[in-house]
Amino acid sequence: MSKTQLKKFLNTLNHDQITEMVLELYAARKEAKDYLDYFMNPDEEKMQEKYRAIITKEFLPGPGRVKGRTSRCRKAIKEFATLHPQPSRIVDLMLTTVESIMVYDRRVRWVKESQENAAASTLREALDTIWSNDMMPQFERRLSIIKEKSSGLRHSLRSRINDTFNDWHDTIK
């Protein structure tokens, strides 16, 4: 169903019917409940912490085995972005993903190629978002730390991160 079709359908309902439908949606879907809870009481910091915990748990869990699913990290960032928070909060989650993969690499000295690709693409997306929203002063130190700490990584991940920084720098000249 398209948004246009949904809008036409909602226009045929009265206030009570719409209220009932929203309440049923709230009870039926966790995602809808989370969205409506946030919509009624937008606490960006709390939601950011929720999604940051999802990301760090993938690479830096407490007890248990590391799963390292970059798809979960991308999904967390995407879900958080649908709430329309400040762009700096989205960038924070992107950089948290890159940093988590880097810490994981230093601990186990091996990451999958898909994790390297995710680190590079997420870093590139973060750099583009930072640049397009004029947030470089806010993130300059953190980006410098990422670049500096990348020297302690194994060769392929270090190369991917440095190449990403260099390619991005060349495109903004």
N, C-alpha and C. Protein backbone atom coordinates (compact mmCIF):
# COMPACT_ATOMS: atom_id res chain seq x y z
N MET A 1 0.85 -1.17 0.00
CA MET A 1 0.00 0.00 0.00
C MET A 1 0.89 1.24 0.00
N SER A 2 0.55 2.18 -0.80
CA SER A 2 1.32 3.42 -0.87
C SER A 2 0.82 4.41 0.19
N LYS A 3 1.59 5.46 0.39
CA LYS A 3 1.17 6.50 1.33
C LYS A 3 -0.12 7.18 0.87
N THR A 4 -0.25 7.34 -0.45
CA THR A 4 -1.45 7.97 -1.00
C THR A 4 -2.68 7.13 -0.69
N GLN A 5 -2.55 5.82 -0.90
CA GLN A 5 -3.67 4.93 -0.61
C GLN A 5 -4.01 4.95 0.88
N LEU A 6 -2.99 4.94 1.72
CA LEU A 6 -3.21 4.98 3.16
C LEU A 6 -3.90 6.28 3.54
N LYS A 7 -3.44 7.39 2.98
CA LYS A 7 -4.05 8.68 3.29
C LYS A 7 -5.53 8.71 2.88
N LYS A 8 -5.83 8.17 1.72
CA LYS A 8 -7.24 8.11 1.27
C LYS A 8 -8.06 7.26 2.22
N PHE A 9 -7.51 6.12 2.63
CA PHE A 9 -8.22 5.25 3.55
C PHE A 9 -8.46 5.94 4.89
N LEU A 10 -7.43 6.59 5.43
CA LEU A 10 -7.57 7.28 6.72
C LEU A 10 -8.60 8.40 6.65
N ASN A 11 -8.71 9.04 5.51
CA ASN A 11 -9.70 10.11 5.34
C ASN A 11 -11.13 9.58 5.39
N THR A 12 -11.30 8.29 5.14
CA THR A 12 -12.64 7.72 5.21
C THR A 12 -13.05 7.36 6.63
N LEU A 13 -12.09 7.34 7.55
CA LEU A 13 -12.37 6.97 8.94
C LEU A 13 -12.69 8.19 9.78
N ASN A 14 -13.49 7.97 10.82
CA ASN A 14 -13.75 9.07 11.75
C ASN A 14 -12.68 9.03 12.85
N HIS A 15 -12.72 10.02 13.71
CA HIS A 15 -11.72 10.16 14.77
C HIS A 15 -11.62 8.92 15.65
N ASP A 16 -12.75 8.39 16.07
CA ASP A 16 -12.76 7.21 16.96
C ASP A 16 -12.16 5.99 16.27
N GLN A 17 -12.44 5.82 14.99
CA GLN A 17 -11.90 4.68 14.26
C GLN A 17 -10.37 4.80 14.12
N ILE A 18 -9.90 5.99 13.87
CA ILE A 18 -8.44 6.21 13.77
C ILE A 18 -7.78 5.96 15.12
N THR A 19 -8.40 6.47 16.18
CA THR A 19 -7.87 6.25 17.52
C THR A 19 -7.78 4.76 17.83
N GLU A 20 -8.83 4.03 17.52
CA GLU A 20 -8.85 2.58 17.76
C GLU A 20 -7.76 1.88 16.95
N MET A 21 -7.59 2.28 15.71
CA MET A 21 -6.58 1.65 14.86
C MET A 21 -5.17 1.91 15.40
N VAL A 22 -4.90 3.12 15.84
CA VAL A 22 -3.58 3.45 16.39
C VAL A 22 -3.33 2.67 17.68
N LEU A 23 -4.35 2.53 18.51
CA LEU A 23 -4.21 1.75 19.75
C LEU A 23 -3.94 0.28 19.45
N GLU A 24 -4.60 -0.25 18.43
CA GLU A 24 -4.36 -1.64 18.04
C GLU A 24 -2.94 -1.81 17.49
N LEU A 25 -2.51 -0.86 16.69
CA LEU A 25 -1.15 -0.89 16.16
C LEU A 25 -0.13 -0.81 17.29
N TYR A 26 -0.39 0.04 18.26
CA TYR A 26 0.48 0.19 19.43
C TYR A 26 0.62 -1.13 20.18
N ALA A 27 -0.46 -1.86 20.32
CA ALA A 27 -0.44 -3.13 21.04
C ALA A 27 0.15 -4.26 20.20
N ALA A 28 0.02 -4.17 18.89
CA ALA A 28 0.40 -5.29 18.02
C ALA A 28 1.87 -5.30 17.62
N ARG A 29 2.50 -4.17 17.49
CA ARG A 29 3.86 -4.09 16.94
C ARG A 29 4.80 -3.34 17.89
N LYS A 30 5.89 -3.99 18.24
CA LYS A 30 6.87 -3.38 19.12
C LYS A 30 7.47 -2.11 18.49
N GLU A 31 7.74 -2.18 17.18
CA GLU A 31 8.32 -1.03 16.49
C GLU A 31 7.37 0.18 16.55
N ALA A 32 6.07 -0.08 16.37
CA ALA A 32 5.09 1.00 16.45
C ALA A 32 5.01 1.55 17.87
N LYS A 33 5.08 0.67 18.86
CA LYS A 33 5.06 1.09 20.26
C LYS A 33 6.26 1.99 20.55
N ASP A 34 7.45 1.55 20.13
CA ASP A 34 8.66 2.34 20.35
C ASP A 34 8.55 3.71 19.67
N TYR A 35 8.06 3.71 18.43
CA TYR A 35 7.94 4.95 17.69
C TYR A 35 6.95 5.90 18.37
N LEU A 36 5.79 5.38 18.74
CA LEU A 36 4.78 6.23 19.37
C LEU A 36 5.22 6.71 20.75
N ASP A 37 5.91 5.86 21.51
CA ASP A 37 6.46 6.29 22.80
C ASP A 37 7.43 7.44 22.60
N TYR A 38 8.30 7.30 21.60
CA TYR A 38 9.27 8.35 21.30
C TYR A 38 8.57 9.61 20.80
N PHE A 39 7.54 9.43 19.95
CA PHE A 39 6.81 10.56 19.39
C PHE A 39 6.15 11.38 20.49
N MET A 40 5.62 10.69 21.51
CA MET A 40 4.94 11.39 22.61
C MET A 40 5.93 12.00 23.59
N ASN A 41 7.09 11.38 23.76
CA ASN A 41 8.09 11.87 24.70
C ASN A 41 9.48 11.71 24.06
N PRO A 42 9.85 12.62 23.16
CA PRO A 42 11.11 12.46 22.42
C PRO A 42 12.35 12.69 23.29
N ASP A 43 12.95 11.60 23.73
CA ASP A 43 14.19 11.64 24.50
C ASP A 43 15.29 11.06 23.62
N GLU A 44 15.92 11.94 22.83
CA GLU A 44 16.94 11.50 21.87
C GLU A 44 18.09 10.79 22.56
N GLU A 45 18.51 11.31 23.70
CA GLU A 45 19.65 10.73 24.40
C GLU A 45 19.37 9.29 24.83
N LYS A 46 18.18 9.06 25.37
CA LYS A 46 17.80 7.72 25.82
C LYS A 46 17.77 6.75 24.64
N MET A 47 17.17 7.18 23.53
CA MET A 47 17.11 6.32 22.35
C MET A 47 18.50 6.09 21.75
N GLN A 48 19.32 7.11 21.77
CA GLN A 48 20.69 6.96 21.26
C GLN A 48 21.44 5.92 22.09
N GLU A 49 21.28 5.97 23.39
CA GLU A 49 21.94 4.99 24.27
C GLU A 49 21.43 3.58 24.01
N LYS A 50 20.14 3.47 23.75
CA LYS A 50 19.55 2.16 23.44
C LYS A 50 20.22 1.56 22.20
N TYR A 51 20.34 2.35 21.15
CA TYR A 51 20.92 1.86 19.90
C TYR A 51 22.44 1.71 19.99
N ARG A 52 23.09 2.56 20.78
CA ARG A 52 24.53 2.39 21.00
C ARG A 52 24.80 1.06 21.69
N ALA A 53 23.95 0.69 22.64
CA ALA A 53 24.10 -0.59 23.34
C ALA A 53 23.96 -1.77 22.38
N ILE A 54 23.05 -1.67 21.44
CA ILE A 54 22.88 -2.72 20.43
C ILE A 54 24.16 -2.88 19.61
N ILE A 55 24.74 -1.76 19.21
CA ILE A 55 25.95 -1.79 18.39
C ILE A 55 27.13 -2.35 19.16
N THR A 56 27.36 -1.84 20.35
CA THR A 56 28.53 -2.29 21.11
C THR A 56 28.40 -3.75 21.53
N LYS A 57 27.18 -4.20 21.76
CA LYS A 57 26.97 -5.59 22.16
C LYS A 57 27.41 -6.56 21.05
N GLU A 58 27.33 -6.13 19.81
CA GLU A 58 27.72 -6.99 18.69
C GLU A 58 29.23 -7.28 18.69
N PHE A 59 30.02 -6.31 19.11
CA PHE A 59 31.48 -6.47 19.05
C PHE A 59 32.15 -6.49 20.41
N LEU A 60 31.50 -5.97 21.41
CA LEU A 60 32.11 -5.86 22.73
C LEU A 60 31.14 -6.35 23.81
N PRO A 61 30.72 -7.61 23.72
CA PRO A 61 29.72 -8.08 24.69
C PRO A 61 30.33 -8.30 26.06
N GLY A 62 29.47 -8.44 27.04
CA GLY A 62 29.92 -8.84 28.36
C GLY A 62 30.30 -10.31 28.27
N PRO A 63 29.75 -11.12 29.12
CA PRO A 63 30.02 -12.55 28.99
C PRO A 63 29.35 -13.09 27.72
N GLY A 64 30.02 -14.01 27.10
CA GLY A 64 29.45 -14.60 25.88
C GLY A 64 30.31 -14.36 24.68
N ARG A 65 29.87 -14.91 23.58
CA ARG A 65 30.62 -14.87 22.34
C ARG A 65 30.25 -13.64 21.52
N VAL A 66 31.25 -13.06 20.88
CA VAL A 66 31.03 -11.92 19.99
C VAL A 66 30.37 -12.42 18.72
N LYS A 67 29.31 -11.73 18.32
CA LYS A 67 28.63 -12.11 17.09
C LYS A 67 29.13 -11.28 15.91
N GLY A 68 29.38 -10.01 16.14
CA GLY A 68 29.96 -9.15 15.11
C GLY A 68 29.09 -8.98 13.87
N ARG A 69 27.79 -8.93 14.05
CA ARG A 69 26.88 -8.78 12.92
C ARG A 69 26.74 -7.31 12.54
N THR A 70 27.39 -6.94 11.46
CA THR A 70 27.31 -5.55 11.01
C THR A 70 25.91 -5.21 10.52
N SER A 71 25.16 -6.21 10.09
CA SER A 71 23.78 -5.96 9.65
C SER A 71 22.94 -5.43 10.82
N ARG A 72 23.19 -5.93 12.03
CA ARG A 72 22.48 -5.44 13.21
C ARG A 72 22.86 -3.98 13.50
N CYS A 73 24.14 -3.67 13.29
CA CYS A 73 24.59 -2.29 13.51
C CYS A 73 23.93 -1.35 12.50
N ARG A 74 23.93 -1.73 11.22
CA ARG A 74 23.29 -0.90 10.20
C ARG A 74 21.80 -0.74 10.49
N LYS A 75 21.16 -1.82 10.92
CA LYS A 75 19.73 -1.77 11.24
C LYS A 75 19.47 -0.81 12.41
N ALA A 76 20.33 -0.87 13.42
CA ALA A 76 20.16 0.02 14.58
C ALA A 76 20.29 1.48 14.17
N ILE A 77 21.27 1.77 13.32
CA ILE A 77 21.46 3.15 12.85
C ILE A 77 20.25 3.60 12.03
N LYS A 78 19.79 2.72 11.16
CA LYS A 78 18.64 3.05 10.31
C LYS A 78 17.38 3.28 11.14
N GLU A 79 17.13 2.41 12.11
CA GLU A 79 15.95 2.57 12.97
C GLU A 79 16.02 3.87 13.75
N PHE A 80 17.20 4.18 14.29
CA PHE A 80 17.35 5.42 15.04
C PHE A 80 17.12 6.62 14.13
N ALA A 81 17.62 6.56 12.90
CA ALA A 81 17.46 7.67 11.96
C ALA A 81 15.99 7.91 11.61
N THR A 82 15.16 6.87 11.64
CA THR A 82 13.73 7.04 11.33
C THR A 82 13.02 7.90 12.37
N LEU A 83 13.63 8.06 13.54
CA LEU A 83 13.04 8.89 14.58
C LEU A 83 13.35 10.37 14.36
N HIS A 84 14.17 10.68 13.35
CA HIS A 84 14.56 12.04 12.99
C HIS A 84 15.26 12.79 14.12
N PRO A 85 16.29 12.16 14.72
CA PRO A 85 17.05 12.88 15.74
C PRO A 85 18.02 13.86 15.08
N GLN A 86 18.77 14.57 15.90
CA GLN A 86 19.79 15.46 15.37
C GLN A 86 20.81 14.63 14.59
N PRO A 87 21.30 15.15 13.47
CA PRO A 87 22.28 14.39 12.67
C PRO A 87 23.53 14.00 13.47
N SER A 88 23.91 14.81 14.44
CA SER A 88 25.10 14.50 15.23
C SER A 88 24.93 13.21 16.04
N ARG A 89 23.72 12.91 16.43
CA ARG A 89 23.46 11.67 17.16
C ARG A 89 23.55 10.45 16.24
N ILE A 90 23.13 10.61 15.01
CA ILE A 90 23.25 9.52 14.04
C ILE A 90 24.72 9.28 13.73
N VAL A 91 25.47 10.34 13.54
CA VAL A 91 26.91 10.22 13.28
C VAL A 91 27.59 9.54 14.46
N ASP A 92 27.18 9.86 15.66
CA ASP A 92 27.77 9.22 16.83
C ASP A 92 27.61 7.70 16.76
N LEU A 93 26.44 7.23 16.36
CA LEU A 93 26.22 5.79 16.23
C LEU A 93 27.07 5.20 15.10
N MET A 94 27.22 5.92 14.02
CA MET A 94 28.07 5.44 12.93
C MET A 94 29.52 5.29 13.40
N LEU A 95 30.01 6.30 14.09
CA LEU A 95 31.39 6.24 14.57
C LEU A 95 31.55 5.19 15.66
N THR A 96 30.52 4.97 16.45
CA THR A 96 30.56 3.91 17.45
C THR A 96 30.73 2.55 16.77
N THR A 97 30.06 2.37 15.64
CA THR A 97 30.20 1.12 14.89
C THR A 97 31.64 0.93 14.43
N VAL A 98 32.22 1.97 13.84
CA VAL A 98 33.61 1.89 13.36
C VAL A 98 34.56 1.62 14.52
N GLU A 99 34.38 2.34 15.61
CA GLU A 99 35.25 2.16 16.78
C GLU A 99 35.12 0.76 17.37
N SER A 100 33.90 0.23 17.40
CA SER A 100 33.69 -1.12 17.95
C SER A 100 34.39 -2.17 17.10
N ILE A 101 34.31 -2.03 15.78
CA ILE A 101 35.01 -2.96 14.89
C ILE A 101 36.51 -2.85 15.09
N MET A 102 37.01 -1.63 15.28
CA MET A 102 38.44 -1.45 15.51
C MET A 102 38.90 -2.10 16.81
N VAL A 103 38.13 -1.93 17.88
CA VAL A 103 38.48 -2.55 19.16
C VAL A 103 38.45 -4.07 19.02
N TYR A 104 37.46 -4.58 18.33
CA TYR A 104 37.36 -6.02 18.10
C TYR A 104 38.59 -6.52 17.33
N ASP A 105 39.00 -5.78 16.33
CA ASP A 105 40.19 -6.17 15.55
C ASP A 105 41.44 -6.21 16.43
N ARG A 106 41.58 -5.23 17.30
CA ARG A 106 42.76 -5.21 18.18
C ARG A 106 42.73 -6.37 19.17
N ARG A 107 41.54 -6.78 19.59
CA ARG A 107 41.43 -7.89 20.55
C ARG A 107 41.70 -9.24 19.93
N VAL A 108 41.10 -9.49 18.78
CA VAL A 108 41.20 -10.83 18.19
C VAL A 108 42.16 -10.89 17.02
N ARG A 109 42.61 -9.73 16.54
CA ARG A 109 43.55 -9.63 15.42
C ARG A 109 43.00 -10.22 14.13
N TRP A 110 41.68 -10.27 14.01
CA TRP A 110 41.08 -10.76 12.77
C TRP A 110 39.64 -10.33 12.71
N VAL A 111 39.26 -9.73 11.61
CA VAL A 111 37.86 -9.44 11.33
C VAL A 111 37.55 -9.93 9.93
N LYS A 112 36.30 -10.21 9.70
CA LYS A 112 35.86 -10.67 8.38
C LYS A 112 35.95 -9.53 7.38
N GLU A 113 36.03 -9.91 6.13
CA GLU A 113 36.05 -8.90 5.06
C GLU A 113 34.77 -8.07 5.08
N SER A 114 33.64 -8.70 5.38
CA SER A 114 32.37 -7.97 5.43
C SER A 114 32.39 -6.92 6.55
N GLN A 115 33.08 -7.23 7.65
CA GLN A 115 33.19 -6.26 8.74
C GLN A 115 34.12 -5.11 8.35
N GLU A 116 35.18 -5.42 7.60
CA GLU A 116 36.05 -4.36 7.08
C GLU A 116 35.26 -3.44 6.15
N ASN A 117 34.48 -4.06 5.26
CA ASN A 117 33.67 -3.28 4.32
C ASN A 117 32.67 -2.40 5.06
N ALA A 118 32.06 -2.97 6.09
CA ALA A 118 31.09 -2.20 6.88
C ALA A 118 31.76 -1.04 7.59
N ALA A 119 32.94 -1.27 8.15
CA ALA A 119 33.67 -0.19 8.83
C ALA A 119 33.98 0.94 7.85
N ALA A 120 34.46 0.58 6.65
CA ALA A 120 34.81 1.59 5.66
C ALA A 120 33.58 2.34 5.15
N SER A 121 32.52 1.62 4.84
CA SER A 121 31.33 2.30 4.30
C SER A 121 30.64 3.15 5.37
N THR A 122 30.62 2.66 6.60
CA THR A 122 30.01 3.43 7.69
C THR A 122 30.83 4.68 7.98
N LEU A 123 32.16 4.55 7.95
CA LEU A 123 33.02 5.71 8.15
C LEU A 123 32.79 6.73 7.04
N ARG A 124 32.70 6.26 5.82
CA ARG A 124 32.48 7.18 4.69
C ARG A 124 31.13 7.90 4.84
N GLU A 125 30.11 7.17 5.20
CA GLU A 125 28.79 7.77 5.39
C GLU A 125 28.83 8.80 6.52
N ALA A 126 29.55 8.48 7.60
CA ALA A 126 29.68 9.42 8.72
C ALA A 126 30.41 10.69 8.27
N LEU A 127 31.49 10.51 7.52
CA LEU A 127 32.24 11.68 7.03
C LEU A 127 31.37 12.55 6.13
N ASP A 128 30.61 11.92 5.25
CA ASP A 128 29.73 12.68 4.36
C ASP A 128 28.67 13.44 5.15
N THR A 129 28.11 12.79 6.17
CA THR A 129 27.08 13.43 6.99
C THR A 129 27.67 14.59 7.80
N ILE A 130 28.85 14.37 8.34
CA ILE A 130 29.54 15.42 9.09
C ILE A 130 29.77 16.63 8.20
N TRP A 131 30.27 16.38 7.00
CA TRP A 131 30.59 17.47 6.08
C TRP A 131 29.33 18.20 5.62
N SER A 132 28.30 17.45 5.25
CA SER A 132 27.09 18.08 4.72
C SER A 132 26.31 18.85 5.79
N ASN A 133 26.51 18.51 7.06
CA ASN A 133 25.81 19.20 8.14
C ASN A 133 26.73 20.16 8.90
N ASP A 134 27.92 20.41 8.34
CA ASP A 134 28.88 21.35 8.91
C ASP A 134 29.17 21.06 10.39
N MET A 135 29.49 19.78 10.67
CA MET A 135 29.75 19.36 12.04
C MET A 135 31.22 18.97 12.28
N MET A 136 32.10 19.37 11.37
CA MET A 136 33.49 18.96 11.49
C MET A 136 34.12 19.40 12.82
N PRO A 137 33.90 20.63 13.28
CA PRO A 137 34.50 21.00 14.56
C PRO A 137 34.06 20.08 15.72
N GLN A 138 32.83 19.63 15.66
CA GLN A 138 32.28 18.78 16.71
C GLN A 138 32.92 17.38 16.70
N PHE A 139 33.29 16.88 15.53
CA PHE A 139 33.79 15.51 15.42
C PHE A 139 35.27 15.41 15.04
N GLU A 140 35.92 16.54 14.86
CA GLU A 140 37.32 16.52 14.40
C GLU A 140 38.22 15.71 15.33
N ARG A 141 38.10 15.90 16.61
CA ARG A 141 38.96 15.18 17.56
C ARG A 141 38.68 13.67 17.51
N ARG A 142 37.43 13.31 17.48
CA ARG A 142 37.08 11.89 17.45
C ARG A 142 37.57 11.22 16.16
N LEU A 143 37.46 11.92 15.05
CA LEU A 143 37.96 11.39 13.78
C LEU A 143 39.49 11.25 13.81
N SER A 144 40.16 12.22 14.44
CA SER A 144 41.62 12.13 14.57
C SER A 144 42.02 10.92 15.40
N ILE A 145 41.27 10.65 16.46
CA ILE A 145 41.55 9.48 17.30
C ILE A 145 41.35 8.19 16.51
N ILE A 146 40.28 8.13 15.72
CA ILE A 146 40.04 6.94 14.90
C ILE A 146 41.20 6.73 13.93
N LYS A 147 41.62 7.81 13.27
CA LYS A 147 42.72 7.70 12.31
C LYS A 147 44.01 7.28 13.02
N GLU A 148 44.26 7.87 14.17
CA GLU A 148 45.47 7.54 14.94
C GLU A 148 45.46 6.09 15.41
N LYS A 149 44.32 5.65 15.94
CA LYS A 149 44.23 4.28 16.46
C LYS A 149 44.22 3.23 15.35
N SER A 150 43.91 3.65 14.13
CA SER A 150 43.91 2.69 13.02
C SER A 150 45.31 2.17 12.74
N SER A 151 46.33 2.89 13.17
CA SER A 151 47.71 2.42 12.94
C SER A 151 48.00 1.14 13.72
N GLY A 152 47.24 0.86 14.76
CA GLY A 152 47.45 -0.35 15.54
C GLY A 152 46.65 -1.55 15.06
N LEU A 153 45.97 -1.39 13.94
CA LEU A 153 45.14 -2.46 13.42
C LEU A 153 45.94 -3.33 12.46
N ARG A 154 45.39 -4.51 12.18
CA ARG A 154 46.06 -5.36 11.20
C ARG A 154 45.97 -4.69 9.84
N HIS A 155 46.79 -5.12 8.93
CA HIS A 155 47.01 -4.39 7.68
C HIS A 155 45.75 -4.09 6.88
N SER A 156 44.91 -5.08 6.62
CA SER A 156 43.79 -4.83 5.70
C SER A 156 42.76 -3.85 6.27
N LEU A 157 42.44 -3.96 7.55
CA LEU A 157 41.48 -3.01 8.13
C LEU A 157 42.11 -1.63 8.22
N ARG A 158 43.37 -1.56 8.60
CA ARG A 158 44.07 -0.27 8.66
C ARG A 158 44.05 0.40 7.30
N SER A 159 44.32 -0.37 6.25
CA SER A 159 44.33 0.17 4.89
C SER A 159 42.95 0.67 4.48
N ARG A 160 41.92 -0.10 4.80
CA ARG A 160 40.55 0.29 4.41
C ARG A 160 40.16 1.61 5.09
N ILE A 161 40.48 1.74 6.37
CA ILE A 161 40.13 2.97 7.09
C ILE A 161 40.93 4.16 6.56
N ASN A 162 42.23 3.97 6.37
CA ASN A 162 43.05 5.07 5.84
C ASN A 162 42.65 5.44 4.42
N ASP A 163 42.34 4.44 3.60
CA ASP A 163 41.89 4.71 2.23
C ASP A 163 40.58 5.49 2.25
N THR A 164 39.71 5.15 3.16
CA THR A 164 38.43 5.86 3.27
C THR A 164 38.66 7.32 3.62
N PHE A 165 39.52 7.58 4.60
CA PHE A 165 39.85 8.96 4.95
C PHE A 165 40.45 9.69 3.75
N ASN A 166 41.39 9.06 3.08
CA ASN A 166 42.08 9.70 1.95
C ASN A 166 41.13 9.95 0.77
N ASP A 167 40.32 8.95 0.43
CA ASP A 167 39.36 9.12 -0.67
C ASP A 167 38.37 10.23 -0.36
N TRP A 168 37.89 10.26 0.88
CA TRP A 168 36.93 11.29 1.26
C TRP A 168 37.59 12.67 1.18
N HIS A 169 38.81 12.75 1.69
CA HIS A 169 39.52 14.04 1.67
C HIS A 169 39.72 14.53 0.24
N ASP A 170 40.03 13.59 -0.67
CA ASP A 170 40.23 13.97 -2.08
C ASP A 170 38.93 14.48 -2.71
N THR A 171 37.79 13.96 -2.31
CA THR A 171 36.52 14.37 -2.91
C THR A 171 36.05 15.74 -2.42
N ILE A 172 36.50 16.16 -1.24
CA ILE A 172 36.03 17.47 -0.75
C ILE A 172 36.94 18.60 -1.17
N LYS A 173 38.07 18.28 -1.77
CA LYS A 173 38.99 19.35 -2.24
C LYS A 173 38.40 20.14 -3.36
